[in-house]
Amino acid sequence: MRRCARWNAQSSVNRYVKVCFYKYVSSTGLFTLNYCRSNYTLTTAGQWTVIATNVKDDVAFRYRFRSSARSTGQSAH
């Protein structure tokens, strides 16, 4: 099984973000929350920030932000 070396995020403003991972439940045909990283990581505006490392390939995930403030950004994984 391959793993991604790291996941990076870049935002237009400083934001706290963490990653939540989901698993597929074949009996329901749905994804359910498996776990979230315990800590938020601060992304600095305009800079790439590592937010997760050693993540399995093809894992389902979502980002969670500590605030609902609007911003734009991008991720690389």
PDB file of N, CA and C in Angstrom:
ATOM      1  N   MET A   1       0.844  -1.181   0.000  1.00  0.00           N
ATOM      2  CA  MET A   1       0.000   0.000   0.000  1.00  0.00           C
ATOM      3  C   MET A   1       0.883   1.236   0.000  1.00  0.00           C
ATOM      4  N   ARG A   2       0.630   2.105  -0.935  1.00  0.00           N
ATOM      5  CA  ARG A   2       1.380   3.362  -1.008  1.00  0.00           C
ATOM      6  C   ARG A   2       0.790   4.399  -0.060  1.00  0.00           C
ATOM      7  N   ARG A   3       1.612   5.331   0.316  1.00  0.00           N
ATOM      8  CA  ARG A   3       1.158   6.434   1.165  1.00  0.00           C
ATOM      9  C   ARG A   3       1.667   7.736   0.588  1.00  0.00           C
ATOM     10  N   CYS A   4       0.849   8.766   0.725  1.00  0.00           N
ATOM     11  CA  CYS A   4       1.244  10.099   0.283  1.00  0.00           C
ATOM     12  C   CYS A   4       2.196  10.675   1.326  1.00  0.00           C
ATOM     13  N   ALA A   5       3.261  11.296   0.887  1.00  0.00           N
ATOM     14  CA  ALA A   5       4.257  11.822   1.820  1.00  0.00           C
ATOM     15  C   ALA A   5       3.680  12.913   2.717  1.00  0.00           C
ATOM     16  N   ARG A   6       2.902  13.826   2.113  1.00  0.00           N
ATOM     17  CA  ARG A   6       2.322  14.900   2.933  1.00  0.00           C
ATOM     18  C   ARG A   6       1.212  15.598   2.166  1.00  0.00           C
ATOM     19  N   TRP A   7       0.307  16.190   2.900  1.00  0.00           N
ATOM     20  CA  TRP A   7      -0.759  17.011   2.336  1.00  0.00           C
ATOM     21  C   TRP A   7      -0.478  18.447   2.724  1.00  0.00           C
ATOM     22  N   ASN A   8      -0.619  19.347   1.769  1.00  0.00           N
ATOM     23  CA  ASN A   8      -0.345  20.761   1.992  1.00  0.00           C
ATOM     24  C   ASN A   8      -1.593  21.583   1.695  1.00  0.00           C
ATOM     25  N   ALA A   9      -1.718  22.700   2.370  1.00  0.00           N
ATOM     26  CA  ALA A   9      -2.814  23.634   2.118  1.00  0.00           C
ATOM     27  C   ALA A   9      -2.257  25.045   2.070  1.00  0.00           C
ATOM     28  N   GLN A  10      -2.914  25.871   1.266  1.00  0.00           N
ATOM     29  CA  GLN A  10      -2.553  27.282   1.168  1.00  0.00           C
ATOM     30  C   GLN A  10      -3.858  28.069   1.137  1.00  0.00           C
ATOM     31  N   SER A  11      -3.965  29.092   1.956  1.00  0.00           N
ATOM     32  CA  SER A  11      -5.193  29.881   2.011  1.00  0.00           C
ATOM     33  C   SER A  11      -4.890  31.358   1.799  1.00  0.00           C
ATOM     34  N   SER A  12      -5.954  32.107   1.539  1.00  0.00           N
ATOM     35  CA  SER A  12      -5.785  33.545   1.297  1.00  0.00           C
ATOM     36  C   SER A  12      -5.661  34.335   2.602  1.00  0.00           C
ATOM     37  N   VAL A  13      -6.053  33.742   3.708  1.00  0.00           N
ATOM     38  CA  VAL A  13      -5.922  34.341   5.043  1.00  0.00           C
ATOM     39  C   VAL A  13      -5.429  33.265   5.993  1.00  0.00           C
ATOM     40  N   ASN A  14      -4.951  33.643   7.151  1.00  0.00           N
ATOM     41  CA  ASN A  14      -4.561  32.657   8.151  1.00  0.00           C
ATOM     42  C   ASN A  14      -5.801  31.884   8.585  1.00  0.00           C
ATOM     43  N   ARG A  15      -5.728  30.558   8.537  1.00  0.00           N
ATOM     44  CA  ARG A  15      -6.859  29.704   8.908  1.00  0.00           C
ATOM     45  C   ARG A  15      -6.364  28.499   9.668  1.00  0.00           C
ATOM     46  N   TYR A  16      -7.162  28.038  10.621  1.00  0.00           N
ATOM     47  CA  TYR A  16      -6.883  26.775  11.294  1.00  0.00           C
ATOM     48  C   TYR A  16      -7.680  25.686  10.586  1.00  0.00           C
ATOM     49  N   VAL A  17      -7.005  24.587  10.244  1.00  0.00           N
ATOM     50  CA  VAL A  17      -7.644  23.499   9.508  1.00  0.00           C
ATOM     51  C   VAL A  17      -7.150  22.152  10.044  1.00  0.00           C
ATOM     52  N   LYS A  18      -8.014  21.163   9.995  1.00  0.00           N
ATOM     53  CA  LYS A  18      -7.600  19.792  10.288  1.00  0.00           C
ATOM     54  C   LYS A  18      -8.275  18.872   9.281  1.00  0.00           C
ATOM     55  N   VAL A  19      -7.800  17.653   9.213  1.00  0.00           N
ATOM     56  CA  VAL A  19      -8.300  16.684   8.254  1.00  0.00           C
ATOM     57  C   VAL A  19      -9.101  15.615   8.991  1.00  0.00           C
ATOM     58  N   CYS A  20     -10.261  15.278   8.418  1.00  0.00           N
ATOM     59  CA  CYS A  20     -11.074  14.178   8.931  1.00  0.00           C
ATOM     60  C   CYS A  20     -11.119  13.089   7.870  1.00  0.00           C
ATOM     61  N   PHE A  21     -11.009  11.856   8.291  1.00  0.00           N
ATOM     62  CA  PHE A  21     -10.964  10.718   7.384  1.00  0.00           C
ATOM     63  C   PHE A  21     -12.249   9.904   7.487  1.00  0.00           C
ATOM     64  N   TYR A  22     -12.693   9.393   6.350  1.00  0.00           N
ATOM     65  CA  TYR A  22     -13.951   8.657   6.257  1.00  0.00           C
ATOM     66  C   TYR A  22     -13.704   7.255   5.741  1.00  0.00           C
ATOM     67  N   LYS A  23     -14.577   6.335   6.115  1.00  0.00           N
ATOM     68  CA  LYS A  23     -14.485   4.970   5.604  1.00  0.00           C
ATOM     69  C   LYS A  23     -15.794   4.615   4.905  1.00  0.00           C
ATOM     70  N   TYR A  24     -15.682   3.767   3.915  1.00  0.00           N
ATOM     71  CA  TYR A  24     -16.842   3.334   3.142  1.00  0.00           C
ATOM     72  C   TYR A  24     -17.478   2.136   3.830  1.00  0.00           C
ATOM     73  N   VAL A  25     -18.786   2.197   4.025  1.00  0.00           N
ATOM     74  CA  VAL A  25     -19.536   1.103   4.636  1.00  0.00           C
ATOM     75  C   VAL A  25     -20.350   0.449   3.527  1.00  0.00           C
ATOM     76  N   SER A  26     -19.923  -0.722   3.093  1.00  0.00           N
ATOM     77  CA  SER A  26     -20.544  -1.357   1.930  1.00  0.00           C
ATOM     78  C   SER A  26     -22.011  -1.727   2.175  1.00  0.00           C
ATOM     79  N   SER A  27     -22.367  -2.035   3.414  1.00  0.00           N
ATOM     80  CA  SER A  27     -23.755  -2.430   3.690  1.00  0.00           C
ATOM     81  C   SER A  27     -24.736  -1.275   3.504  1.00  0.00           C
ATOM     82  N   THR A  28     -24.265  -0.041   3.654  1.00  0.00           N
ATOM     83  CA  THR A  28     -25.136   1.123   3.480  1.00  0.00           C
ATOM     84  C   THR A  28     -24.832   1.888   2.199  1.00  0.00           C
ATOM     85  N   GLY A  29     -23.661   1.637   1.630  1.00  0.00           N
ATOM     86  CA  GLY A  29     -23.246   2.371   0.437  1.00  0.00           C
ATOM     87  C   GLY A  29     -22.861   3.814   0.724  1.00  0.00           C
ATOM     88  N   LEU A  30     -22.556   4.109   1.988  1.00  0.00           N
ATOM     89  CA  LEU A  30     -22.233   5.471   2.410  1.00  0.00           C
ATOM     90  C   LEU A  30     -20.851   5.539   3.053  1.00  0.00           C
ATOM     91  N   PHE A  31     -20.309   6.737   3.104  1.00  0.00           N
ATOM     92  CA  PHE A  31     -19.077   6.986   3.846  1.00  0.00           C
ATOM     93  C   PHE A  31     -19.450   7.486   5.235  1.00  0.00           C
ATOM     94  N   THR A  32     -18.766   6.991   6.246  1.00  0.00           N
ATOM     95  CA  THR A  32     -18.986   7.452   7.615  1.00  0.00           C
ATOM     96  C   THR A  32     -17.664   7.961   8.180  1.00  0.00           C
ATOM     97  N   LEU A  33     -17.761   8.879   9.118  1.00  0.00           N
ATOM     98  CA  LEU A  33     -16.569   9.446   9.737  1.00  0.00           C
ATOM     99  C   LEU A  33     -15.798   8.351  10.460  1.00  0.00           C
ATOM    100  N   ASN A  34     -14.523   8.240  10.144  1.00  0.00           N
ATOM    101  CA  ASN A  34     -13.655   7.283  10.811  1.00  0.00           C
ATOM    102  C   ASN A  34     -12.952   7.974  11.976  1.00  0.00           C
ATOM    103  N   TYR A  35     -12.255   9.072  11.689  1.00  0.00           N
ATOM    104  CA  TYR A  35     -11.647   9.884  12.745  1.00  0.00           C
ATOM    105  C   TYR A  35     -11.167  11.203  12.175  1.00  0.00           C
ATOM    106  N   CYS A  36     -10.955  12.160  13.060  1.00  0.00           N
ATOM    107  CA  CYS A  36     -10.367  13.460  12.703  1.00  0.00           C
ATOM    108  C   CYS A  36      -9.053  13.597  13.453  1.00  0.00           C
ATOM    109  N   ARG A  37      -8.117  14.275  12.824  1.00  0.00           N
ATOM    110  CA  ARG A  37      -6.885  14.595  13.541  1.00  0.00           C
ATOM    111  C   ARG A  37      -7.277  15.426  14.763  1.00  0.00           C
ATOM    112  N   SER A  38      -6.584  15.255  15.843  1.00  0.00           N
ATOM    113  CA  SER A  38      -6.986  15.910  17.089  1.00  0.00           C
ATOM    114  C   SER A  38      -6.715  17.402  17.107  1.00  0.00           C
ATOM    115  N   ASN A  39      -5.694  17.851  16.408  1.00  0.00           N
ATOM    116  CA  ASN A  39      -5.312  19.260  16.461  1.00  0.00           C
ATOM    117  C   ASN A  39      -5.521  19.971  15.132  1.00  0.00           C
ATOM    118  N   TYR A  40      -5.848  21.238  15.235  1.00  0.00           N
ATOM    119  CA  TYR A  40      -5.896  22.092  14.059  1.00  0.00           C
ATOM    120  C   TYR A  40      -4.485  22.590  13.753  1.00  0.00           C
ATOM    121  N   THR A  41      -4.209  22.821  12.475  1.00  0.00           N
ATOM    122  CA  THR A  41      -2.936  23.385  12.032  1.00  0.00           C
ATOM    123  C   THR A  41      -3.208  24.761  11.464  1.00  0.00           C
ATOM    124  N   LEU A  42      -2.397  25.728  11.843  1.00  0.00           N
ATOM    125  CA  LEU A  42      -2.548  27.082  11.327  1.00  0.00           C
ATOM    126  C   LEU A  42      -1.906  27.184   9.950  1.00  0.00           C
ATOM    127  N   THR A  43      -2.707  27.537   8.945  1.00  0.00           N
ATOM    128  CA  THR A  43      -2.161  27.841   7.626  1.00  0.00           C
ATOM    129  C   THR A  43      -1.934  29.341   7.574  1.00  0.00           C
ATOM    130  N   THR A  44      -0.789  29.738   7.060  1.00  0.00           N
ATOM    131  CA  THR A  44      -0.439  31.146   6.954  1.00  0.00           C
ATOM    132  C   THR A  44      -0.771  31.637   5.557  1.00  0.00           C
ATOM    133  N   ALA A  45      -1.418  32.772   5.468  1.00  0.00           N
ATOM    134  CA  ALA A  45      -1.862  33.317   4.182  1.00  0.00           C
ATOM    135  C   ALA A  45      -0.742  33.316   3.149  1.00  0.00           C
ATOM    136  N   GLY A  46      -1.046  32.732   1.979  1.00  0.00           N
ATOM    137  CA  GLY A  46      -0.110  32.754   0.871  1.00  0.00           C
ATOM    138  C   GLY A  46       1.052  31.784   0.951  1.00  0.00           C
ATOM    139  N   GLN A  47       1.113  30.967   2.006  1.00  0.00           N
ATOM    140  CA  GLN A  47       2.219  30.019   2.161  1.00  0.00           C
ATOM    141  C   GLN A  47       1.679  28.597   2.220  1.00  0.00           C
ATOM    142  N   TRP A  48       2.420  27.655   1.665  1.00  0.00           N
ATOM    143  CA  TRP A  48       2.047  26.246   1.767  1.00  0.00           C
ATOM    144  C   TRP A  48       2.363  25.742   3.167  1.00  0.00           C
ATOM    145  N   THR A  49       1.429  25.002   3.753  1.00  0.00           N
ATOM    146  CA  THR A  49       1.583  24.465   5.102  1.00  0.00           C
ATOM    147  C   THR A  49       1.239  22.980   5.088  1.00  0.00           C
ATOM    148  N   VAL A  50       2.083  22.149   5.686  1.00  0.00           N
ATOM    149  CA  VAL A  50       1.810  20.717   5.794  1.00  0.00           C
ATOM    150  C   VAL A  50       0.728  20.522   6.856  1.00  0.00           C
ATOM    151  N   ILE A  51      -0.367  19.840   6.478  1.00  0.00           N
ATOM    152  CA  ILE A  51      -1.437  19.606   7.446  1.00  0.00           C
ATOM    153  C   ILE A  51      -1.637  18.130   7.768  1.00  0.00           C
ATOM    154  N   ALA A  52      -1.027  17.233   6.989  1.00  0.00           N
ATOM    155  CA  ALA A  52      -1.086  15.802   7.283  1.00  0.00           C
ATOM    156  C   ALA A  52       0.073  15.113   6.583  1.00  0.00           C
ATOM    157  N   THR A  53       0.573  14.048   7.191  1.00  0.00           N
ATOM    158  CA  THR A  53       1.656  13.275   6.593  1.00  0.00           C
ATOM    159  C   THR A  53       1.314  11.789   6.653  1.00  0.00           C
ATOM    160  N   ASN A  54       1.967  11.021   5.785  1.00  0.00           N
ATOM    161  CA  ASN A  54       1.849   9.565   5.776  1.00  0.00           C
ATOM    162  C   ASN A  54       0.400   9.089   5.657  1.00  0.00           C
ATOM    163  N   VAL A  55      -0.344   9.676   4.744  1.00  0.00           N
ATOM    164  CA  VAL A  55      -1.752   9.336   4.537  1.00  0.00           C
ATOM    165  C   VAL A  55      -1.859   8.283   3.440  1.00  0.00           C
ATOM    166  N   LYS A  56      -2.678   7.264   3.653  1.00  0.00           N
ATOM    167  CA  LYS A  56      -2.874   6.216   2.656  1.00  0.00           C
ATOM    168  C   LYS A  56      -3.457   6.800   1.375  1.00  0.00           C
ATOM    169  N   ASP A  57      -3.054   6.241   0.246  1.00  0.00           N
ATOM    170  CA  ASP A  57      -3.623   6.635  -1.038  1.00  0.00           C
ATOM    171  C   ASP A  57      -5.110   6.299  -1.085  1.00  0.00           C
ATOM    172  N   ASP A  58      -5.854   7.093  -1.819  1.00  0.00           N
ATOM    173  CA  ASP A  58      -7.287   6.866  -2.077  1.00  0.00           C
ATOM    174  C   ASP A  58      -8.168   6.891  -0.829  1.00  0.00           C
ATOM    175  N   VAL A  59      -7.715   7.529   0.227  1.00  0.00           N
ATOM    176  CA  VAL A  59      -8.538   7.638   1.430  1.00  0.00           C
ATOM    177  C   VAL A  59      -9.527   8.796   1.257  1.00  0.00           C
ATOM    178  N   ALA A  60     -10.753   8.604   1.729  1.00  0.00           N
ATOM    179  CA  ALA A  60     -11.761   9.665   1.672  1.00  0.00           C
ATOM    180  C   ALA A  60     -11.515  10.631   2.832  1.00  0.00           C
ATOM    181  N   PHE A  61     -11.627  11.927   2.552  1.00  0.00           N
ATOM    182  CA  PHE A  61     -11.331  12.914   3.589  1.00  0.00           C
ATOM    183  C   PHE A  61     -12.129  14.188   3.340  1.00  0.00           C
ATOM    184  N   ARG A  62     -12.163  15.023   4.367  1.00  0.00           N
ATOM    185  CA  ARG A  62     -12.679  16.390   4.287  1.00  0.00           C
ATOM    186  C   ARG A  62     -11.837  17.255   5.195  1.00  0.00           C
ATOM    187  N   TYR A  63     -11.743  18.515   4.821  1.00  0.00           N
ATOM    188  CA  TYR A  63     -11.074  19.470   5.688  1.00  0.00           C
ATOM    189  C   TYR A  63     -12.114  20.076   6.617  1.00  0.00           C
ATOM    190  N   ARG A  64     -11.724  20.310   7.853  1.00  0.00           N
ATOM    191  CA  ARG A  64     -12.572  21.031   8.809  1.00  0.00           C
ATOM    192  C   ARG A  64     -11.825  22.283   9.228  1.00  0.00           C
ATOM    193  N   PHE A  65     -12.557  23.376   9.229  1.00  0.00           N
ATOM    194  CA  PHE A  65     -11.978  24.664   9.606  1.00  0.00           C
ATOM    195  C   PHE A  65     -12.516  25.074  10.965  1.00  0.00           C
ATOM    196  N   ARG A  66     -11.674  25.731  11.747  1.00  0.00           N
ATOM    197  CA  ARG A  66     -12.067  26.121  13.098  1.00  0.00           C
ATOM    198  C   ARG A  66     -13.078  27.252  13.099  1.00  0.00           C
ATOM    199  N   SER A  67     -13.094  28.075  12.050  1.00  0.00           N
ATOM    200  CA  SER A  67     -14.062  29.164  11.982  1.00  0.00           C
ATOM    201  C   SER A  67     -14.812  29.076  10.656  1.00  0.00           C
ATOM    202  N   SER A  68     -15.899  29.801  10.573  1.00  0.00           N
ATOM    203  CA  SER A  68     -16.697  29.807   9.348  1.00  0.00           C
ATOM    204  C   SER A  68     -16.354  30.999   8.449  1.00  0.00           C
ATOM    205  N   ALA A  69     -15.280  31.708   8.761  1.00  0.00           N
ATOM    206  CA  ALA A  69     -14.865  32.856   7.950  1.00  0.00           C
ATOM    207  C   ALA A  69     -14.595  32.413   6.514  1.00  0.00           C
ATOM    208  N   ARG A  70     -14.970  33.257   5.574  1.00  0.00           N
ATOM    209  CA  ARG A  70     -14.767  32.923   4.167  1.00  0.00           C
ATOM    210  C   ARG A  70     -13.334  33.216   3.740  1.00  0.00           C
ATOM    211  N   SER A  71     -12.808  32.318   2.908  1.00  0.00           N
ATOM    212  CA  SER A  71     -11.498  32.533   2.314  1.00  0.00           C
ATOM    213  C   SER A  71     -11.377  31.615   1.113  1.00  0.00           C
ATOM    214  N   THR A  72     -10.345  31.797   0.342  1.00  0.00           N
ATOM    215  CA  THR A  72     -10.070  30.920  -0.782  1.00  0.00           C
ATOM    216  C   THR A  72      -8.729  30.249  -0.539  1.00  0.00           C
ATOM    217  N   GLY A  73      -8.477  29.191  -1.273  1.00  0.00           N
ATOM    218  CA  GLY A  73      -7.194  28.507  -1.117  1.00  0.00           C
ATOM    219  C   GLY A  73      -7.119  27.302  -2.010  1.00  0.00           C
ATOM    220  N   GLN A  74      -6.094  26.512  -1.781  1.00  0.00           N
ATOM    221  CA  GLN A  74      -5.901  25.310  -2.559  1.00  0.00           C
ATOM    222  C   GLN A  74      -5.190  24.269  -1.710  1.00  0.00           C
ATOM    223  N   SER A  75      -5.252  23.033  -2.169  1.00  0.00           N
ATOM    224  CA  SER A  75      -4.560  21.965  -1.453  1.00  0.00           C
ATOM    225  C   SER A  75      -3.785  21.108  -2.451  1.00  0.00           C
ATOM    226  N   ALA A  76      -2.769  20.447  -1.959  1.00  0.00           N
ATOM    227  CA  ALA A  76      -1.967  19.543  -2.769  1.00  0.00           C
ATOM    228  C   ALA A  76      -1.727  18.284  -1.952  1.00  0.00           C
ATOM    229  N   HIS A  77      -2.073  17.161  -2.537  1.00  0.00           N
ATOM    230  CA  HIS A  77      -1.849  15.875  -1.857  1.00  0.00           C
ATOM    231  C   HIS A  77      -1.660  14.794  -2.851  1.00  0.00           C
TER     232      HIS A  77
END
